[in-house]
PDB file of N, CA and C in Angstrom:
ATOM      1  N   MET A   1     100.472  27.284  -3.398  1.00  0.00           N
ATOM      2  CA  MET A   1      99.767  27.987  -4.438  1.00  0.00           C
ATOM      3  C   MET A   1     100.380  27.635  -5.785  1.00  0.00           C
ATOM      4  N   GLU A   2      99.542  27.580  -6.745  1.00  0.00           N
ATOM      5  CA  GLU A   2      99.961  27.239  -8.085  1.00  0.00           C
ATOM      6  C   GLU A   2     100.594  28.443  -8.773  1.00  0.00           C
ATOM      7  N   LEU A   3     101.581  28.188  -9.612  1.00  0.00           N
ATOM      8  CA  LEU A   3     102.283  29.268 -10.303  1.00  0.00           C
ATOM      9  C   LEU A   3     101.336  30.067 -11.187  1.00  0.00           C
ATOM     10  N   ARG A   4     100.429  29.394 -11.840  1.00  0.00           N
ATOM     11  CA  ARG A   4      99.477  30.075 -12.723  1.00  0.00           C
ATOM     12  C   ARG A   4      98.599  31.042 -11.931  1.00  0.00           C
ATOM     13  N   THR A   5      98.186  30.630 -10.746  1.00  0.00           N
ATOM     14  CA  THR A   5      97.373  31.494  -9.898  1.00  0.00           C
ATOM     15  C   THR A   5      98.175  32.683  -9.410  1.00  0.00           C
ATOM     16  N   LEU A   6      99.429  32.441  -9.018  1.00  0.00           N
ATOM     17  CA  LEU A   6     100.282  33.540  -8.569  1.00  0.00           C
ATOM     18  C   LEU A   6     100.482  34.570  -9.662  1.00  0.00           C
ATOM     19  N   VAL A   7     100.759  34.107 -10.862  1.00  0.00           N
ATOM     20  CA  VAL A   7     101.004  35.028 -11.977  1.00  0.00           C
ATOM     21  C   VAL A   7      99.745  35.820 -12.305  1.00  0.00           C
ATOM     22  N   SER A   8      98.597  35.162 -12.354  1.00  0.00           N
ATOM     23  CA  SER A   8      97.377  35.870 -12.720  1.00  0.00           C
ATOM     24  C   SER A   8      96.920  36.832 -11.625  1.00  0.00           C
ATOM     25  N   ASP A   9      97.275  36.553 -10.367  1.00  0.00           N
ATOM     26  CA  ASP A   9      96.871  37.440  -9.278  1.00  0.00           C
ATOM     27  C   ASP A   9      97.796  38.632  -9.111  1.00  0.00           C
ATOM     28  N   HIS A  10      99.100  38.434  -9.233  1.00  0.00           N
ATOM     29  CA  HIS A  10     100.048  39.461  -8.841  1.00  0.00           C
ATOM     30  C   HIS A  10     100.788  40.151  -9.982  1.00  0.00           C
ATOM     31  N   LEU A  11     100.921  39.532 -11.131  1.00  0.00           N
ATOM     32  CA  LEU A  11     101.688  40.140 -12.215  1.00  0.00           C
ATOM     33  C   LEU A  11     101.080  41.433 -12.741  1.00  0.00           C
ATOM     34  N   PRO A  12      99.760  41.525 -12.918  1.00  0.00           N
ATOM     35  CA  PRO A  12      99.220  42.812 -13.394  1.00  0.00           C
ATOM     36  C   PRO A  12      99.498  43.969 -12.434  1.00  0.00           C
ATOM     37  N   ASN A  13      99.394  43.707 -11.143  1.00  0.00           N
ATOM     38  CA  ASN A  13      99.697  44.749 -10.155  1.00  0.00           C
ATOM     39  C   ASN A  13     101.170  45.136 -10.203  1.00  0.00           C
ATOM     40  N   ALA A  14     102.037  44.157 -10.371  1.00  0.00           N
ATOM     41  CA  ALA A  14     103.469  44.433 -10.436  1.00  0.00           C
ATOM     42  C   ALA A  14     103.818  45.247 -11.677  1.00  0.00           C
ATOM     43  N   VAL A  15     103.179  44.965 -12.784  1.00  0.00           N
ATOM     44  CA  VAL A  15     103.460  45.702 -14.025  1.00  0.00           C
ATOM     45  C   VAL A  15     103.003  47.160 -13.893  1.00  0.00           C
ATOM     46  N   VAL A  16     101.838  47.372 -13.315  1.00  0.00           N
ATOM     47  CA  VAL A  16     101.344  48.744 -13.146  1.00  0.00           C
ATOM     48  C   VAL A  16     102.253  49.521 -12.189  1.00  0.00           C
ATOM     49  N   ALA A  17     102.632  48.899 -11.078  1.00  0.00           N
ATOM     50  CA  ALA A  17     103.508  49.575 -10.122  1.00  0.00           C
ATOM     51  C   ALA A  17     104.874  49.857 -10.740  1.00  0.00           C
ATOM     52  N   ALA A  18     105.405  48.916 -11.507  1.00  0.00           N
ATOM     53  CA  ALA A  18     106.702  49.121 -12.153  1.00  0.00           C
ATOM     54  C   ALA A  18     106.627  50.235 -13.188  1.00  0.00           C
ATOM     55  N   ALA A  19     105.526  50.324 -13.909  1.00  0.00           N
ATOM     56  CA  ALA A  19     105.370  51.403 -14.884  1.00  0.00           C
ATOM     57  C   ALA A  19     105.339  52.760 -14.190  1.00  0.00           C
ATOM     58  N   ILE A  20     104.657  52.825 -13.050  1.00  0.00           N
ATOM     59  CA  ILE A  20     104.603  54.090 -12.312  1.00  0.00           C
ATOM     60  C   ILE A  20     105.987  54.479 -11.815  1.00  0.00           C
ATOM     61  N   PHE A  21     106.716  53.531 -11.219  1.00  0.00           N
ATOM     62  CA  PHE A  21     108.064  53.820 -10.731  1.00  0.00           C
ATOM     63  C   PHE A  21     109.001  54.215 -11.868  1.00  0.00           C
ATOM     64  N   THR A  22     108.916  53.529 -12.991  1.00  0.00           N
ATOM     65  CA  THR A  22     109.788  53.822 -14.121  1.00  0.00           C
ATOM     66  C   THR A  22     109.496  55.203 -14.700  1.00  0.00           C
ATOM     67  N   LEU A  23     108.230  55.520 -14.862  1.00  0.00           N
ATOM     68  CA  LEU A  23     107.871  56.850 -15.376  1.00  0.00           C
ATOM     69  C   LEU A  23     108.299  57.949 -14.418  1.00  0.00           C
ATOM     70  N   TYR A  24     108.140  57.713 -13.130  1.00  0.00           N
ATOM     71  CA  TYR A  24     108.561  58.706 -12.147  1.00  0.00           C
ATOM     72  C   TYR A  24     110.075  58.905 -12.209  1.00  0.00           C
ATOM     73  N   ASN A  25     110.835  57.818 -12.287  1.00  0.00           N
ATOM     74  CA  ASN A  25     112.292  57.945 -12.363  1.00  0.00           C
ATOM     75  C   ASN A  25     112.733  58.606 -13.666  1.00  0.00           C
ATOM     76  N   ALA A  26     112.078  58.292 -14.754  1.00  0.00           N
ATOM     77  CA  ALA A  26     112.428  58.925 -16.027  1.00  0.00           C
ATOM     78  C   ALA A  26     112.121  60.421 -15.990  1.00  0.00           C
ATOM     79  N   TYR A  27     111.053  60.782 -15.318  1.00  0.00           N
ATOM     80  CA  TYR A  27     110.681  62.202 -15.229  1.00  0.00           C
ATOM     81  C   TYR A  27     111.614  62.971 -14.301  1.00  0.00           C
ATOM     82  N   THR A  28     111.920  62.404 -13.150  1.00  0.00           N
ATOM     83  CA  THR A  28     112.721  63.134 -12.165  1.00  0.00           C
ATOM     84  C   THR A  28     114.211  63.092 -12.463  1.00  0.00           C
ATOM     85  N   ASP A  29     114.707  61.963 -12.982  1.00  0.00           N
ATOM     86  CA  ASP A  29     116.145  61.834 -13.254  1.00  0.00           C
ATOM     87  C   ASP A  29     116.523  62.256 -14.662  1.00  0.00           C
ATOM     88  N   GLY A  30     115.560  62.435 -15.532  1.00  0.00           N
ATOM     89  CA  GLY A  30     115.855  62.848 -16.890  1.00  0.00           C
ATOM     90  C   GLY A  30     116.441  61.735 -17.740  1.00  0.00           C
ATOM     91  N   ILE A  31     116.091  60.492 -17.443  1.00  0.00           N
ATOM     92  CA  ILE A  31     116.608  59.347 -18.208  1.00  0.00           C
ATOM     93  C   ILE A  31     115.919  59.330 -19.568  1.00  0.00           C
ATOM     94  N   SER A  32     116.717  59.257 -20.628  1.00  0.00           N
ATOM     95  CA  SER A  32     116.124  59.212 -21.958  1.00  0.00           C
ATOM     96  C   SER A  32     116.620  58.017 -22.766  1.00  0.00           C
ATOM     97  N   ASP A  33     117.497  57.217 -22.195  1.00  0.00           N
ATOM     98  CA  ASP A  33     118.030  56.051 -22.885  1.00  0.00           C
ATOM     99  C   ASP A  33     117.023  54.901 -22.800  1.00  0.00           C
ATOM    100  N   PRO A  34     116.549  54.385 -23.925  1.00  0.00           N
ATOM    101  CA  PRO A  34     115.545  53.314 -23.887  1.00  0.00           C
ATOM    102  C   PRO A  34     116.042  52.038 -23.205  1.00  0.00           C
ATOM    103  N   VAL A  35     117.322  51.745 -23.313  1.00  0.00           N
ATOM    104  CA  VAL A  35     117.861  50.546 -22.673  1.00  0.00           C
ATOM    105  C   VAL A  35     117.790  50.686 -21.156  1.00  0.00           C
ATOM    106  N   THR A  36     118.132  51.838 -20.652  1.00  0.00           N
ATOM    107  CA  THR A  36     118.065  52.080 -19.206  1.00  0.00           C
ATOM    108  C   THR A  36     116.629  52.026 -18.703  1.00  0.00           C
ATOM    109  N   ILE A  37     115.725  52.625 -19.442  1.00  0.00           N
ATOM    110  CA  ILE A  37     114.318  52.603 -19.056  1.00  0.00           C
ATOM    111  C   ILE A  37     113.798  51.162 -19.070  1.00  0.00           C
ATOM    112  N   GLY A  38     114.134  50.404 -20.089  1.00  0.00           N
ATOM    113  CA  GLY A  38     113.704  49.011 -20.176  1.00  0.00           C
ATOM    114  C   GLY A  38     114.283  48.161 -19.060  1.00  0.00           C
ATOM    115  N   PHE A  39     115.563  48.371 -18.752  1.00  0.00           N
ATOM    116  CA  PHE A  39     116.190  47.615 -17.673  1.00  0.00           C
ATOM    117  C   PHE A  39     115.556  47.939 -16.328  1.00  0.00           C
ATOM    118  N   GLU A  40     115.303  49.220 -16.076  1.00  0.00           N
ATOM    119  CA  GLU A  40     114.642  49.598 -14.826  1.00  0.00           C
ATOM    120  C   GLU A  40     113.250  48.995 -14.740  1.00  0.00           C
ATOM    121  N   PHE A  41     112.499  49.033 -15.825  1.00  0.00           N
ATOM    122  CA  PHE A  41     111.147  48.486 -15.815  1.00  0.00           C
ATOM    123  C   PHE A  41     111.157  46.994 -15.501  1.00  0.00           C
ATOM    124  N   ILE A  42     112.020  46.242 -16.180  1.00  0.00           N
ATOM    125  CA  ILE A  42     112.095  44.798 -15.957  1.00  0.00           C
ATOM    126  C   ILE A  42     112.545  44.487 -14.530  1.00  0.00           C
ATOM    127  N   SER A  43     113.517  45.221 -14.036  1.00  0.00           N
ATOM    128  CA  SER A  43     113.985  44.960 -12.674  1.00  0.00           C
ATOM    129  C   SER A  43     112.905  45.300 -11.648  1.00  0.00           C
ATOM    130  N   TYR A  44     112.145  46.364 -11.876  1.00  0.00           N
ATOM    131  CA  TYR A  44     111.044  46.691 -10.975  1.00  0.00           C
ATOM    132  C   TYR A  44     109.960  45.615 -11.004  1.00  0.00           C
ATOM    133  N   VAL A  45     109.621  45.131 -12.188  1.00  0.00           N
ATOM    134  CA  VAL A  45     108.599  44.082 -12.293  1.00  0.00           C
ATOM    135  C   VAL A  45     109.032  42.841 -11.519  1.00  0.00           C
ATOM    136  N   ILE A  46     110.281  42.435 -11.692  1.00  0.00           N
ATOM    137  CA  ILE A  46     110.770  41.234 -11.001  1.00  0.00           C
ATOM    138  C   ILE A  46     110.771  41.449  -9.486  1.00  0.00           C
ATOM    139  N   ALA A  47     111.247  42.585  -9.043  1.00  0.00           N
ATOM    140  CA  ALA A  47     111.320  42.845  -7.598  1.00  0.00           C
ATOM    141  C   ALA A  47     109.932  42.935  -6.975  1.00  0.00           C
ATOM    142  N   ILE A  48     109.030  43.644  -7.600  1.00  0.00           N
ATOM    143  CA  ILE A  48     107.693  43.813  -7.039  1.00  0.00           C
ATOM    144  C   ILE A  48     106.916  42.504  -7.092  1.00  0.00           C
ATOM    145  N   PHE A  49     107.024  41.770  -8.182  1.00  0.00           N
ATOM    146  CA  PHE A  49     106.323  40.494  -8.294  1.00  0.00           C
ATOM    147  C   PHE A  49     106.819  39.501  -7.251  1.00  0.00           C
ATOM    148  N   SER A  50     108.138  39.411  -7.083  1.00  0.00           N
ATOM    149  CA  SER A  50     108.659  38.484  -6.073  1.00  0.00           C
ATOM    150  C   SER A  50     108.260  38.936  -4.672  1.00  0.00           C
ATOM    151  N   GLY A  51     108.182  40.237  -4.443  1.00  0.00           N
ATOM    152  CA  GLY A  51     107.707  40.729  -3.158  1.00  0.00           C
ATOM    153  C   GLY A  51     106.262  40.343  -2.896  1.00  0.00           C
ATOM    154  N   PHE A  52     105.417  40.478  -3.907  1.00  0.00           N
ATOM    155  CA  PHE A  52     104.024  40.063  -3.757  1.00  0.00           C
ATOM    156  C   PHE A  52     103.917  38.566  -3.481  1.00  0.00           C
ATOM    157  N   VAL A  53     104.718  37.769  -4.174  1.00  0.00           N
ATOM    158  CA  VAL A  53     104.650  36.319  -4.022  1.00  0.00           C
ATOM    159  C   VAL A  53     105.104  35.894  -2.628  1.00  0.00           C
ATOM    160  N   VAL A  54     106.071  36.589  -2.061  1.00  0.00           N
ATOM    161  CA  VAL A  54     106.574  36.236  -0.733  1.00  0.00           C
ATOM    162  C   VAL A  54     105.697  36.826   0.364  1.00  0.00           C
ATOM    163  N   ILE A  55     105.304  38.071   0.236  1.00  0.00           N
ATOM    164  CA  ILE A  55     104.600  38.757   1.307  1.00  0.00           C
ATOM    165  C   ILE A  55     103.141  38.304   1.441  1.00  0.00           C
ATOM    166  N   THR A  56     102.445  38.105   0.347  1.00  0.00           N
ATOM    167  CA  THR A  56     101.028  37.759   0.415  1.00  0.00           C
ATOM    168  C   THR A  56     100.768  36.454   1.161  1.00  0.00           C
ATOM    169  N   PRO A  57     101.455  35.343   0.844  1.00  0.00           N
ATOM    170  CA  PRO A  57     101.196  34.123   1.626  1.00  0.00           C
ATOM    171  C   PRO A  57     101.590  34.269   3.093  1.00  0.00           C
ATOM    172  N   THR A  58     102.631  35.036   3.352  1.00  0.00           N
ATOM    173  CA  THR A  58     103.045  35.245   4.744  1.00  0.00           C
ATOM    174  C   THR A  58     101.973  36.003   5.513  1.00  0.00           C
ATOM    175  N   LEU A  59     101.452  37.067   4.935  1.00  0.00           N
ATOM    176  CA  LEU A  59     100.395  37.818   5.599  1.00  0.00           C
ATOM    177  C   LEU A  59      99.119  37.002   5.743  1.00  0.00           C
ATOM    178  N   ASP A  60      98.783  36.216   4.725  1.00  0.00           N
ATOM    179  CA  ASP A  60      97.604  35.353   4.821  1.00  0.00           C
ATOM    180  C   ASP A  60      97.754  34.353   5.967  1.00  0.00           C
ATOM    181  N   LYS A  61      98.938  33.797   6.109  1.00  0.00           N
ATOM    182  CA  LYS A  61      99.166  32.815   7.167  1.00  0.00           C
ATOM    183  C   LYS A  61      99.109  33.476   8.543  1.00  0.00           C
ATOM    184  N   VAL A  62      99.667  34.651   8.676  1.00  0.00           N
ATOM    185  CA  VAL A  62      99.676  35.353   9.964  1.00  0.00           C
ATOM    186  C   VAL A  62      98.259  35.746  10.364  1.00  0.00           C
ATOM    187  N   PHE A  63      97.496  36.321   9.450  1.00  0.00           N
ATOM    188  CA  PHE A  63      96.163  36.794   9.796  1.00  0.00           C
ATOM    189  C   PHE A  63      95.139  35.668   9.870  1.00  0.00           C
ATOM    190  N   ASP A  64      95.364  34.540   9.209  1.00  0.00           N
ATOM    191  CA  ASP A  64      94.465  33.410   9.315  1.00  0.00           C
ATOM    192  C   ASP A  64      94.637  32.671  10.626  1.00  0.00           C
ATOM    193  N   SER A  65      95.848  32.744  11.211  1.00  0.00           N
ATOM    194  CA  SER A  65      96.095  32.017  12.453  1.00  0.00           C
ATOM    195  C   SER A  65      95.537  32.755  13.670  1.00  0.00           C
ATOM    196  N   VAL A  66      95.241  34.019  13.526  1.00  0.00           N
ATOM    197  CA  VAL A  66      94.705  34.803  14.634  1.00  0.00           C
ATOM    198  C   VAL A  66      93.197  34.568  14.708  1.00  0.00           C
ATOM    199  N   THR A  67      92.746  34.137  15.872  1.00  0.00           N
ATOM    200  CA  THR A  67      91.300  33.921  16.050  1.00  0.00           C
ATOM    201  C   THR A  67      90.801  34.842  17.140  1.00  0.00           C
ATOM    202  N   THR A  68      89.595  35.342  16.967  1.00  0.00           N
ATOM    203  CA  THR A  68      89.033  36.257  17.957  1.00  0.00           C
ATOM    204  C   THR A  68      87.839  35.654  18.635  1.00  0.00           C
TER     205      THR A  68
END
Protein backbone atom coordinates (compact mmCIF):
# COMPACT_ATOMS: atom_id res chain seq x y z
CA MET A 1 0.00 0.00 0.00
CA GLU A 2 1.13 3.47 -0.77
CA LEU A 3 1.97 5.85 2.06
CA ARG A 4 -0.35 8.51 0.68
CA THR A 5 -3.26 6.06 0.69
CA LEU A 6 -2.47 4.92 4.22
CA VAL A 7 -2.36 8.48 5.52
CA SER A 8 -5.58 9.54 3.80
CA ASP A 9 -7.43 6.42 4.98
CA HIS A 10 -6.30 6.14 8.59
CA LEU A 11 -4.98 9.48 9.86
CA PRO A 12 -8.38 11.20 10.23
CA ASN A 13 -9.67 8.28 12.31
CA ALA A 14 -6.53 8.31 14.44
CA VAL A 15 -6.82 12.05 15.09
CA VAL A 16 -10.46 11.78 16.16
CA ALA A 17 -9.74 8.81 18.43
CA ALA A 18 -6.71 10.57 19.94
CA ALA A 19 -8.77 13.69 20.60
CA ILE A 20 -11.40 11.62 22.40
CA PHE A 21 -8.78 9.84 24.53
CA THR A 22 -6.98 13.09 25.33
CA LEU A 23 -10.16 14.90 26.32
CA TYR A 24 -11.24 11.98 28.47
CA ASN A 25 -7.86 11.87 30.24
CA ALA A 26 -7.85 15.63 30.75
CA TYR A 27 -11.35 15.45 32.23
CA THR A 28 -10.79 12.47 34.51
CA ASP A 29 -7.19 13.16 35.59
CA GLY A 30 -7.53 16.92 35.86
CA ILE A 31 -4.59 17.63 33.54
CA SER A 32 -4.35 21.33 32.80
CA ASP A 33 -0.78 21.64 31.50
CA PRO A 34 -0.85 22.33 27.74
CA VAL A 35 2.48 20.57 27.19
CA THR A 36 1.20 17.39 28.80
CA ILE A 37 -2.04 17.52 26.84
CA GLY A 38 -0.12 18.09 23.59
CA PHE A 39 2.31 15.27 24.32
CA GLU A 40 -0.52 12.86 25.11
CA PHE A 41 -2.38 13.85 21.95
CA ILE A 42 0.67 13.35 19.71
CA SER A 43 1.56 10.04 21.33
CA TYR A 44 -2.02 8.79 20.94
CA VAL A 45 -2.10 9.81 17.26
CA ILE A 46 1.16 7.97 16.57
CA ALA A 47 0.11 4.84 18.46
CA ILE A 48 -3.37 4.64 16.95
CA PHE A 49 -2.18 5.43 13.42
CA SER A 50 0.55 2.79 13.56
CA GLY A 51 -1.99 0.32 14.93
CA PHE A 52 -4.33 1.01 12.03
CA VAL A 53 -1.48 0.64 9.53
CA VAL A 54 -0.41 -2.71 10.98
CA ILE A 55 -3.78 -4.22 11.84
CA THR A 56 -5.79 -3.31 8.73
CA PRO A 57 -3.57 -5.09 6.15
CA THR A 58 -3.28 -8.08 8.46
CA LEU A 59 -7.05 -8.38 8.83
CA ASP A 60 -7.55 -7.85 5.09
CA LYS A 61 -5.10 -10.65 4.35
CA VAL A 62 -6.68 -13.03 6.86
CA PHE A 63 -10.26 -12.45 5.72
CA ASP A 64 -9.40 -12.42 2.01
CA SER A 65 -7.72 -15.82 2.25
CA VAL A 66 -10.83 -17.46 3.70
CA THR A 67 -13.10 -18.82 0.98
CA THR A 68 -16.57 -20.21 1.50
